[in-house]
Amino acid sequence: MNKAQFNKYVRKILVKHMRNSNEMEADSVINIFTESMIAALEEEDEVLLVGFGRFYKAKMAARNGRNPKTGEVIKIPAHVQLKFSVGIKLKDACNKNSAKK
């Protein structure tokens, strides 16, 4: 799903919970959420949204890798990688249809 498709979902939820909404309002909600997540993760090590999941930072050590095209050994520098651990509500929602099959 791309941002435009996600925007339609957000508009539908805004209408359901609040009032009529337009594309700009839905875009604002999406932008506020993404900017807030980025800012919070810059300051903190994790963001926990109960039921949805946990976004957290993990320090990755420097290591040697291999260029898959040439086979050449390359150095991968140390960096911080964002990880996500799914919450139970999201997990259950994603598995709802597979349980019926």
PDB file of N, CA and C in Angstrom:
ATOM      1  N   MET A   1       0.846  -1.163   0.000  1.00  0.00           N
ATOM      2  CA  MET A   1       0.000   0.000   0.000  1.00  0.00           C
ATOM      3  C   MET A   1       0.900   1.236   0.000  1.00  0.00           C
ATOM      4  N   ASN A   2       0.616   2.167  -0.893  1.00  0.00           N
ATOM      5  CA  ASN A   2       1.386   3.398  -0.939  1.00  0.00           C
ATOM      6  C   ASN A   2       0.696   4.491  -0.113  1.00  0.00           C
ATOM      7  N   LYS A   3       1.293   5.674  -0.071  1.00  0.00           N
ATOM      8  CA  LYS A   3       0.774   6.745   0.789  1.00  0.00           C
ATOM      9  C   LYS A   3      -0.627   7.192   0.351  1.00  0.00           C
ATOM     10  N   ALA A   4      -0.895   7.255  -0.932  1.00  0.00           N
ATOM     11  CA  ALA A   4      -2.215   7.676  -1.411  1.00  0.00           C
ATOM     12  C   ALA A   4      -3.299   6.679  -0.982  1.00  0.00           C
ATOM     13  N   GLN A   5      -2.992   5.406  -1.075  1.00  0.00           N
ATOM     14  CA  GLN A   5      -3.951   4.387  -0.648  1.00  0.00           C
ATOM     15  C   GLN A   5      -4.154   4.436   0.862  1.00  0.00           C
ATOM     16  N   PHE A   6      -3.062   4.650   1.601  1.00  0.00           N
ATOM     17  CA  PHE A   6      -3.154   4.770   3.052  1.00  0.00           C
ATOM     18  C   PHE A   6      -3.969   6.007   3.432  1.00  0.00           C
ATOM     19  N   ASN A   7      -3.832   7.070   2.657  1.00  0.00           N
ATOM     20  CA  ASN A   7      -4.598   8.298   2.874  1.00  0.00           C
ATOM     21  C   ASN A   7      -6.095   8.003   2.828  1.00  0.00           C
ATOM     22  N   LYS A   8      -6.546   7.161   1.882  1.00  0.00           N
ATOM     23  CA  LYS A   8      -7.962   6.799   1.781  1.00  0.00           C
ATOM     24  C   LYS A   8      -8.423   6.077   3.039  1.00  0.00           C
ATOM     25  N   TYR A   9      -7.588   5.176   3.568  1.00  0.00           N
ATOM     26  CA  TYR A   9      -7.923   4.472   4.808  1.00  0.00           C
ATOM     27  C   TYR A   9      -8.068   5.448   5.966  1.00  0.00           C
ATOM     28  N   VAL A  10      -7.130   6.387   6.059  1.00  0.00           N
ATOM     29  CA  VAL A  10      -7.175   7.367   7.152  1.00  0.00           C
ATOM     30  C   VAL A  10      -8.436   8.224   7.039  1.00  0.00           C
ATOM     31  N   ARG A  11      -8.786   8.645   5.825  1.00  0.00           N
ATOM     32  CA  ARG A  11     -10.019   9.443   5.638  1.00  0.00           C
ATOM     33  C   ARG A  11     -11.240   8.662   6.089  1.00  0.00           C
ATOM     34  N   LYS A  12     -11.286   7.373   5.750  1.00  0.00           N
ATOM     35  CA  LYS A  12     -12.417   6.534   6.133  1.00  0.00           C
ATOM     36  C   LYS A  12     -12.527   6.450   7.660  1.00  0.00           C
ATOM     37  N   ILE A  13     -11.399   6.286   8.333  1.00  0.00           N
ATOM     38  CA  ILE A  13     -11.402   6.210   9.798  1.00  0.00           C
ATOM     39  C   ILE A  13     -11.777   7.555  10.412  1.00  0.00           C
ATOM     40  N   LEU A  14     -11.285   8.659   9.848  1.00  0.00           N
ATOM     41  CA  LEU A  14     -11.643   9.988  10.357  1.00  0.00           C
ATOM     42  C   LEU A  14     -13.148  10.220  10.262  1.00  0.00           C
ATOM     43  N   VAL A  15     -13.740   9.818   9.148  1.00  0.00           N
ATOM     44  CA  VAL A  15     -15.192   9.971   8.969  1.00  0.00           C
ATOM     45  C   VAL A  15     -15.934   9.118   9.985  1.00  0.00           C
ATOM     46  N   LYS A  16     -15.458   7.911  10.202  1.00  0.00           N
ATOM     47  CA  LYS A  16     -16.100   6.987  11.137  1.00  0.00           C
ATOM     48  C   LYS A  16     -16.059   7.526  12.570  1.00  0.00           C
ATOM     49  N   HIS A  17     -14.929   8.093  12.973  1.00  0.00           N
ATOM     50  CA  HIS A  17     -14.754   8.506  14.362  1.00  0.00           C
ATOM     51  C   HIS A  17     -15.055   9.971  14.638  1.00  0.00           C
ATOM     52  N   MET A  18     -14.931  10.822  13.635  1.00  0.00           N
ATOM     53  CA  MET A  18     -15.082  12.243  13.924  1.00  0.00           C
ATOM     54  C   MET A  18     -16.102  12.915  13.014  1.00  0.00           C
ATOM     55  N   ARG A  19     -15.708  13.136  11.805  1.00  0.00           N
ATOM     56  CA  ARG A  19     -16.532  13.909  10.891  1.00  0.00           C
ATOM     57  C   ARG A  19     -16.047  13.695   9.476  1.00  0.00           C
ATOM     58  N   ASN A  20     -16.692  14.376   8.541  1.00  0.00           N
ATOM     59  CA  ASN A  20     -16.208  14.309   7.168  1.00  0.00           C
ATOM     60  C   ASN A  20     -14.788  14.842   7.108  1.00  0.00           C
ATOM     61  N   SER A  21     -14.040  14.299   6.210  1.00  0.00           N
ATOM     62  CA  SER A  21     -12.633  14.659   6.126  1.00  0.00           C
ATOM     63  C   SER A  21     -12.224  14.730   4.672  1.00  0.00           C
ATOM     64  N   ASN A  22     -11.237  15.563   4.399  1.00  0.00           N
ATOM     65  CA  ASN A  22     -10.745  15.631   3.029  1.00  0.00           C
ATOM     66  C   ASN A  22      -9.337  15.065   2.952  1.00  0.00           C
ATOM     67  N   GLU A  23      -8.809  15.042   1.751  1.00  0.00           N
ATOM     68  CA  GLU A  23      -7.498  14.439   1.525  1.00  0.00           C
ATOM     69  C   GLU A  23      -6.397  15.182   2.273  1.00  0.00           C
ATOM     70  N   MET A  24      -6.505  16.508   2.368  1.00  0.00           N
ATOM     71  CA  MET A  24      -5.475  17.289   3.063  1.00  0.00           C
ATOM     72  C   MET A  24      -5.460  16.987   4.559  1.00  0.00           C
ATOM     73  N   GLU A  25      -6.636  16.813   5.167  1.00  0.00           N
ATOM     74  CA  GLU A  25      -6.687  16.477   6.590  1.00  0.00           C
ATOM     75  C   GLU A  25      -6.071  15.107   6.843  1.00  0.00           C
ATOM     76  N   ALA A  26      -6.373  14.153   5.990  1.00  0.00           N
ATOM     77  CA  ALA A  26      -5.809  12.814   6.139  1.00  0.00           C
ATOM     78  C   ALA A  26      -4.296  12.864   5.956  1.00  0.00           C
ATOM     79  N   ASP A  27      -3.834  13.643   4.991  1.00  0.00           N
ATOM     80  CA  ASP A  27      -2.395  13.809   4.795  1.00  0.00           C
ATOM     81  C   ASP A  27      -1.739  14.408   6.033  1.00  0.00           C
ATOM     82  N   SER A  28      -2.411  15.376   6.648  1.00  0.00           N
ATOM     83  CA  SER A  28      -1.880  15.993   7.864  1.00  0.00           C
ATOM     84  C   SER A  28      -1.737  14.973   8.985  1.00  0.00           C
ATOM     85  N   VAL A  29      -2.744  14.118   9.153  1.00  0.00           N
ATOM     86  CA  VAL A  29      -2.698  13.090  10.192  1.00  0.00           C
ATOM     87  C   VAL A  29      -1.519  12.147   9.942  1.00  0.00           C
ATOM     88  N   ILE A  30      -1.353  11.720   8.698  1.00  0.00           N
ATOM     89  CA  ILE A  30      -0.254  10.813   8.347  1.00  0.00           C
ATOM     90  C   ILE A  30       1.090  11.492   8.599  1.00  0.00           C
ATOM     91  N   ASN A  31       1.218  12.752   8.165  1.00  0.00           N
ATOM     92  CA  ASN A  31       2.479  13.476   8.343  1.00  0.00           C
ATOM     93  C   ASN A  31       2.789  13.716   9.812  1.00  0.00           C
ATOM     94  N   ILE A  32       1.780  14.048  10.598  1.00  0.00           N
ATOM     95  CA  ILE A  32       1.985  14.248  12.033  1.00  0.00           C
ATOM     96  C   ILE A  32       2.468  12.953  12.671  1.00  0.00           C
ATOM     97  N   PHE A  33       1.842  11.843  12.311  1.00  0.00           N
ATOM     98  CA  PHE A  33       2.255  10.555  12.874  1.00  0.00           C
ATOM     99  C   PHE A  33       3.694  10.219  12.494  1.00  0.00           C
ATOM    100  N   THR A  34       4.027  10.310  11.213  1.00  0.00           N
ATOM    101  CA  THR A  34       5.370   9.927  10.787  1.00  0.00           C
ATOM    102  C   THR A  34       6.430  10.860  11.359  1.00  0.00           C
ATOM    103  N   GLU A  35       6.170  12.165  11.365  1.00  0.00           N
ATOM    104  CA  GLU A  35       7.130  13.115  11.933  1.00  0.00           C
ATOM    105  C   GLU A  35       7.303  12.878  13.430  1.00  0.00           C
ATOM    106  N   SER A  36       6.213  12.572  14.115  1.00  0.00           N
ATOM    107  CA  SER A  36       6.283  12.300  15.549  1.00  0.00           C
ATOM    108  C   SER A  36       7.097  11.045  15.833  1.00  0.00           C
ATOM    109  N   MET A  37       6.906  10.008  15.048  1.00  0.00           N
ATOM    110  CA  MET A  37       7.669   8.776  15.235  1.00  0.00           C
ATOM    111  C   MET A  37       9.155   9.015  15.010  1.00  0.00           C
ATOM    112  N   ILE A  38       9.482   9.744  13.967  1.00  0.00           N
ATOM    113  CA  ILE A  38      10.881  10.034  13.671  1.00  0.00           C
ATOM    114  C   ILE A  38      11.504  10.839  14.807  1.00  0.00           C
ATOM    115  N   ALA A  39      10.820  11.884  15.251  1.00  0.00           N
ATOM    116  CA  ALA A  39      11.350  12.727  16.331  1.00  0.00           C
ATOM    117  C   ALA A  39      11.498  11.933  17.628  1.00  0.00           C
ATOM    118  N   ALA A  40      10.509  11.123  17.957  1.00  0.00           N
ATOM    119  CA  ALA A  40      10.554  10.342  19.191  1.00  0.00           C
ATOM    120  C   ALA A  40      11.691   9.330  19.151  1.00  0.00           C
ATOM    121  N   LEU A  41      11.901   8.695  18.009  1.00  0.00           N
ATOM    122  CA  LEU A  41      12.969   7.694  17.908  1.00  0.00           C
ATOM    123  C   LEU A  41      14.352   8.340  17.839  1.00  0.00           C
ATOM    124  N   GLU A  42      14.426   9.598  17.412  1.00  0.00           N
ATOM    125  CA  GLU A  42      15.700  10.311  17.480  1.00  0.00           C
ATOM    126  C   GLU A  42      16.096  10.548  18.936  1.00  0.00           C
ATOM    127  N   GLU A  43      15.100  10.818  19.782  1.00  0.00           N
ATOM    128  CA  GLU A  43      15.350  11.132  21.196  1.00  0.00           C
ATOM    129  C   GLU A  43      15.396   9.887  22.081  1.00  0.00           C
ATOM    130  N   GLU A  44      14.548   8.932  21.821  1.00  0.00           N
ATOM    131  CA  GLU A  44      14.390   7.763  22.685  1.00  0.00           C
ATOM    132  C   GLU A  44      14.860   6.497  21.971  1.00  0.00           C
ATOM    133  N   ASP A  45      14.994   5.420  22.743  1.00  0.00           N
ATOM    134  CA  ASP A  45      15.397   4.144  22.157  1.00  0.00           C
ATOM    135  C   ASP A  45      14.224   3.344  21.612  1.00  0.00           C
ATOM    136  N   GLU A  46      13.001   3.663  22.058  1.00  0.00           N
ATOM    137  CA  GLU A  46      11.846   2.907  21.563  1.00  0.00           C
ATOM    138  C   GLU A  46      10.564   3.716  21.661  1.00  0.00           C
ATOM    139  N   VAL A  47       9.592   3.311  20.855  1.00  0.00           N
ATOM    140  CA  VAL A  47       8.230   3.844  20.914  1.00  0.00           C
ATOM    141  C   VAL A  47       7.320   2.628  21.009  1.00  0.00           C
ATOM    142  N   LEU A  48       6.539   2.566  22.074  1.00  0.00           N
ATOM    143  CA  LEU A  48       5.644   1.437  22.306  1.00  0.00           C
ATOM    144  C   LEU A  48       4.200   1.895  22.103  1.00  0.00           C
ATOM    145  N   LEU A  49       3.510   1.265  21.170  1.00  0.00           N
ATOM    146  CA  LEU A  49       2.089   1.508  20.922  1.00  0.00           C
ATOM    147  C   LEU A  49       1.379   0.208  21.289  1.00  0.00           C
ATOM    148  N   VAL A  50       0.826   0.173  22.493  1.00  0.00           N
ATOM    149  CA  VAL A  50       0.253  -1.058  23.038  1.00  0.00           C
ATOM    150  C   VAL A  50      -0.779  -1.636  22.072  1.00  0.00           C
ATOM    151  N   GLY A  51      -0.639  -2.910  21.785  1.00  0.00           N
ATOM    152  CA  GLY A  51      -1.540  -3.605  20.867  1.00  0.00           C
ATOM    153  C   GLY A  51      -1.066  -3.550  19.421  1.00  0.00           C
ATOM    154  N   PHE A  52      -0.377  -2.480  19.058  1.00  0.00           N
ATOM    155  CA  PHE A  52       0.118  -2.325  17.690  1.00  0.00           C
ATOM    156  C   PHE A  52       1.521  -2.883  17.559  1.00  0.00           C
ATOM    157  N   GLY A  53       2.432  -2.404  18.415  1.00  0.00           N
ATOM    158  CA  GLY A  53       3.791  -2.906  18.346  1.00  0.00           C
ATOM    159  C   GLY A  53       4.787  -1.959  18.958  1.00  0.00           C
ATOM    160  N   ARG A  54       6.033  -2.364  18.876  1.00  0.00           N
ATOM    161  CA  ARG A  54       7.127  -1.608  19.472  1.00  0.00           C
ATOM    162  C   ARG A  54       8.179  -1.345  18.402  1.00  0.00           C
ATOM    163  N   PHE A  55       8.496  -0.073  18.198  1.00  0.00           N
ATOM    164  CA  PHE A  55       9.581   0.331  17.329  1.00  0.00           C
ATOM    165  C   PHE A  55      10.783   0.575  18.229  1.00  0.00           C
ATOM    166  N   TYR A  56      11.920  -0.011  17.900  1.00  0.00           N
ATOM    167  CA  TYR A  56      13.091   0.194  18.745  1.00  0.00           C
ATOM    168  C   TYR A  56      14.360   0.187  17.903  1.00  0.00           C
ATOM    169  N   LYS A  57      15.410   0.791  18.506  1.00  0.00           N
ATOM    170  CA  LYS A  57      16.684   0.902  17.821  1.00  0.00           C
ATOM    171  C   LYS A  57      17.625  -0.192  18.317  1.00  0.00           C
ATOM    172  N   ALA A  58      18.374  -0.772  17.394  1.00  0.00           N
ATOM    173  CA  ALA A  58      19.371  -1.781  17.733  1.00  0.00           C
ATOM    174  C   ALA A  58      20.702  -1.352  17.117  1.00  0.00           C
ATOM    175  N   LYS A  59      21.749  -1.404  17.925  1.00  0.00           N
ATOM    176  CA  LYS A  59      23.079  -1.049  17.431  1.00  0.00           C
ATOM    177  C   LYS A  59      23.671  -2.238  16.690  1.00  0.00           C
ATOM    178  N   MET A  60      24.093  -1.997  15.475  1.00  0.00           N
ATOM    179  CA  MET A  60      24.694  -3.030  14.647  1.00  0.00           C
ATOM    180  C   MET A  60      26.191  -2.759  14.570  1.00  0.00           C
ATOM    181  N   ALA A  61      26.994  -3.757  14.870  1.00  0.00           N
ATOM    182  CA  ALA A  61      28.446  -3.622  14.851  1.00  0.00           C
ATOM    183  C   ALA A  61      28.957  -3.572  13.414  1.00  0.00           C
ATOM    184  N   ALA A  62      30.119  -2.980  13.251  1.00  0.00           N
ATOM    185  CA  ALA A  62      30.765  -2.979  11.934  1.00  0.00           C
ATOM    186  C   ALA A  62      31.095  -4.430  11.562  1.00  0.00           C
ATOM    187  N   ARG A  63      31.010  -4.723  10.280  1.00  0.00           N
ATOM    188  CA  ARG A  63      31.287  -6.092   9.858  1.00  0.00           C
ATOM    189  C   ARG A  63      31.678  -6.103   8.385  1.00  0.00           C
ATOM    190  N   ASN A  64      32.174  -7.217   7.962  1.00  0.00           N
ATOM    191  CA  ASN A  64      32.480  -7.402   6.547  1.00  0.00           C
ATOM    192  C   ASN A  64      31.277  -8.034   5.873  1.00  0.00           C
ATOM    193  N   GLY A  65      31.009  -7.570   4.678  1.00  0.00           N
ATOM    194  CA  GLY A  65      29.930  -8.134   3.878  1.00  0.00           C
ATOM    195  C   GLY A  65      30.479  -8.530   2.525  1.00  0.00           C
ATOM    196  N   ARG A  66      29.587  -8.934   1.666  1.00  0.00           N
ATOM    197  CA  ARG A  66      30.022  -9.351   0.341  1.00  0.00           C
ATOM    198  C   ARG A  66      29.075  -8.759  -0.685  1.00  0.00           C
ATOM    199  N   ASN A  67      29.654  -8.160  -1.720  1.00  0.00           N
ATOM    200  CA  ASN A  67      28.868  -7.639  -2.827  1.00  0.00           C
ATOM    201  C   ASN A  67      28.305  -8.844  -3.581  1.00  0.00           C
ATOM    202  N   PRO A  68      26.979  -9.015  -3.615  1.00  0.00           N
ATOM    203  CA  PRO A  68      26.416 -10.215  -4.248  1.00  0.00           C
ATOM    204  C   PRO A  68      26.682 -10.300  -5.754  1.00  0.00           C
ATOM    205  N   LYS A  69      26.895  -9.161  -6.375  1.00  0.00           N
ATOM    206  CA  LYS A  69      27.121  -9.161  -7.818  1.00  0.00           C
ATOM    207  C   LYS A  69      28.545  -9.585  -8.173  1.00  0.00           C
ATOM    208  N   THR A  70      29.529  -9.039  -7.411  1.00  0.00           N
ATOM    209  CA  THR A  70      30.927  -9.278  -7.761  1.00  0.00           C
ATOM    210  C   THR A  70      31.623 -10.257  -6.824  1.00  0.00           C
ATOM    211  N   GLY A  71      31.048 -10.473  -5.650  1.00  0.00           N
ATOM    212  CA  GLY A  71      31.683 -11.339  -4.665  1.00  0.00           C
ATOM    213  C   GLY A  71      32.756 -10.632  -3.861  1.00  0.00           C
ATOM    214  N   GLU A  72      32.989  -9.366  -4.155  1.00  0.00           N
ATOM    215  CA  GLU A  72      34.017  -8.580  -3.466  1.00  0.00           C
ATOM    216  C   GLU A  72      33.629  -8.349  -2.006  1.00  0.00           C
ATOM    217  N   VAL A  73      34.619  -8.443  -1.118  1.00  0.00           N
ATOM    218  CA  VAL A  73      34.380  -8.182   0.305  1.00  0.00           C
ATOM    219  C   VAL A  73      34.309  -6.673   0.501  1.00  0.00           C
ATOM    220  N   ILE A  74      33.276  -6.224   1.230  1.00  0.00           N
ATOM    221  CA  ILE A  74      33.112  -4.797   1.519  1.00  0.00           C
ATOM    222  C   ILE A  74      32.952  -4.611   3.019  1.00  0.00           C
ATOM    223  N   LYS A  75      33.337  -3.439   3.506  1.00  0.00           N
ATOM    224  CA  LYS A  75      33.193  -3.127   4.924  1.00  0.00           C
ATOM    225  C   LYS A  75      31.865  -2.421   5.139  1.00  0.00           C
ATOM    226  N   ILE A  76      31.064  -2.941   6.053  1.00  0.00           N
ATOM    227  CA  ILE A  76      29.794  -2.323   6.426  1.00  0.00           C
ATOM    228  C   ILE A  76      30.033  -1.633   7.765  1.00  0.00           C
ATOM    229  N   PRO A  77      29.891  -0.309   7.826  1.00  0.00           N
ATOM    230  CA  PRO A  77      30.186   0.403   9.066  1.00  0.00           C
ATOM    231  C   PRO A  77      29.130   0.136  10.141  1.00  0.00           C
ATOM    232  N   ALA A  78      29.499   0.407  11.390  1.00  0.00           N
ATOM    233  CA  ALA A  78      28.547   0.296  12.494  1.00  0.00           C
ATOM    234  C   ALA A  78      27.421   1.297  12.263  1.00  0.00           C
ATOM    235  N   HIS A  79      26.215   0.909  12.631  1.00  0.00           N
ATOM    236  CA  HIS A  79      25.064   1.802  12.451  1.00  0.00           C
ATOM    237  C   HIS A  79      23.941   1.384  13.395  1.00  0.00           C
ATOM    238  N   VAL A  80      22.939   2.236  13.486  1.00  0.00           N
ATOM    239  CA  VAL A  80      21.747   1.939  14.272  1.00  0.00           C
ATOM    240  C   VAL A  80      20.652   1.533  13.298  1.00  0.00           C
ATOM    241  N   GLN A  81      20.008   0.413  13.582  1.00  0.00           N
ATOM    242  CA  GLN A  81      18.954  -0.096  12.711  1.00  0.00           C
ATOM    243  C   GLN A  81      17.629  -0.066  13.464  1.00  0.00           C
ATOM    244  N   LEU A  82      16.588   0.367  12.791  1.00  0.00           N
ATOM    245  CA  LEU A  82      15.261   0.378  13.388  1.00  0.00           C
ATOM    246  C   LEU A  82      14.645  -1.006  13.250  1.00  0.00           C
ATOM    247  N   LYS A  83      14.031  -1.472  14.331  1.00  0.00           N
ATOM    248  CA  LYS A  83      13.363  -2.776  14.315  1.00  0.00           C
ATOM    249  C   LYS A  83      11.937  -2.603  14.822  1.00  0.00           C
ATOM    250  N   PHE A  84      11.103  -3.573  14.514  1.00  0.00           N
ATOM    251  CA  PHE A  84       9.696  -3.529  14.914  1.00  0.00           C
ATOM    252  C   PHE A  84       9.298  -4.884  15.463  1.00  0.00           C
ATOM    253  N   SER A  85       8.642  -4.848  16.602  1.00  0.00           N
ATOM    254  CA  SER A  85       8.107  -6.052  17.214  1.00  0.00           C
ATOM    255  C   SER A  85       6.588  -5.902  17.237  1.00  0.00           C
ATOM    256  N   VAL A  86       5.882  -6.809  16.611  1.00  0.00           N
ATOM    257  CA  VAL A  86       4.434  -6.681  16.435  1.00  0.00           C
ATOM    258  C   VAL A  86       3.691  -6.887  17.754  1.00  0.00           C
ATOM    259  N   GLY A  87       2.611  -6.102  17.944  1.00  0.00           N
ATOM    260  CA  GLY A  87       1.747  -6.246  19.112  1.00  0.00           C
ATOM    261  C   GLY A  87       0.672  -7.289  18.866  1.00  0.00           C
ATOM    262  N   ILE A  88       0.028  -7.726  19.925  1.00  0.00           N
ATOM    263  CA  ILE A  88      -0.933  -8.833  19.838  1.00  0.00           C
ATOM    264  C   ILE A  88      -2.169  -8.477  19.001  1.00  0.00           C
ATOM    265  N   LYS A  89      -2.686  -7.249  19.126  1.00  0.00           N
ATOM    266  CA  LYS A  89      -3.873  -6.873  18.333  1.00  0.00           C
ATOM    267  C   LYS A  89      -3.566  -6.882  16.844  1.00  0.00           C
ATOM    268  N   LEU A  90      -2.415  -6.343  16.467  1.00  0.00           N
ATOM    269  CA  LEU A  90      -2.022  -6.331  15.059  1.00  0.00           C
ATOM    270  C   LEU A  90      -1.774  -7.748  14.550  1.00  0.00           C
ATOM    271  N   LYS A  91      -1.110  -8.546  15.360  1.00  0.00           N
ATOM    272  CA  LYS A  91      -0.842  -9.938  14.986  1.00  0.00           C
ATOM    273  C   LYS A  91      -2.146 -10.699  14.770  1.00  0.00           C
ATOM    274  N   ASP A  92      -3.082 -10.539  15.707  1.00  0.00           N
ATOM    275  CA  ASP A  92      -4.377 -11.217  15.579  1.00  0.00           C
ATOM    276  C   ASP A  92      -5.139 -10.752  14.345  1.00  0.00           C
ATOM    277  N   ALA A  93      -5.097  -9.439  14.067  1.00  0.00           N
ATOM    278  CA  ALA A  93      -5.797  -8.899  12.900  1.00  0.00           C
ATOM    279  C   ALA A  93      -5.214  -9.459  11.606  1.00  0.00           C
ATOM    280  N   CYS A  94      -3.898  -9.605  11.549  1.00  0.00           N
ATOM    281  CA  CYS A  94      -3.246 -10.134  10.349  1.00  0.00           C
ATOM    282  C   CYS A  94      -3.492 -11.622  10.166  1.00  0.00           C
ATOM    283  N   ASN A  95      -3.748 -12.333  11.238  1.00  0.00           N
ATOM    284  CA  ASN A  95      -3.966 -13.781  11.166  1.00  0.00           C
ATOM    285  C   ASN A  95      -5.428 -14.176  11.145  1.00  0.00           C
ATOM    286  N   LYS A  96      -6.328 -13.204  11.185  1.00  0.00           N
ATOM    287  CA  LYS A  96      -7.758 -13.484  11.233  1.00  0.00           C
ATOM    288  C   LYS A  96      -8.215 -14.285  10.018  1.00  0.00           C
ATOM    289  N   ASN A  97      -7.802 -13.876   8.823  1.00  0.00           N
ATOM    290  CA  ASN A  97      -8.237 -14.563   7.598  1.00  0.00           C
ATOM    291  C   ASN A  97      -7.557 -15.904   7.412  1.00  0.00           C
ATOM    292  N   SER A  98      -6.316 -16.044   7.858  1.00  0.00           N
ATOM    293  CA  SER A  98      -5.616 -17.311   7.658  1.00  0.00           C
ATOM    294  C   SER A  98      -6.165 -18.403   8.588  1.00  0.00           C
ATOM    295  N   ALA A  99      -6.790 -18.007   9.702  1.00  0.00           N
ATOM    296  CA  ALA A  99      -7.376 -18.994  10.614  1.00  0.00           C
ATOM    297  C   ALA A  99      -8.640 -19.621  10.006  1.00  0.00           C
ATOM    298  N   LYS A 100      -9.308 -18.899   9.105  1.00  0.00           N
ATOM    299  CA  LYS A 100     -10.545 -19.403   8.491  1.00  0.00           C
ATOM    300  C   LYS A 100     -10.266 -20.437   7.411  1.00  0.00           C
ATOM    301  N   LYS A 101      -9.060 -20.426   6.849  1.00  0.00           N
ATOM    302  CA  LYS A 101      -8.751 -21.325   5.706  1.00  0.00           C
ATOM    303  C   LYS A 101      -8.510 -22.727   6.147  1.00  0.00           C
TER     304      LYS A 101
END
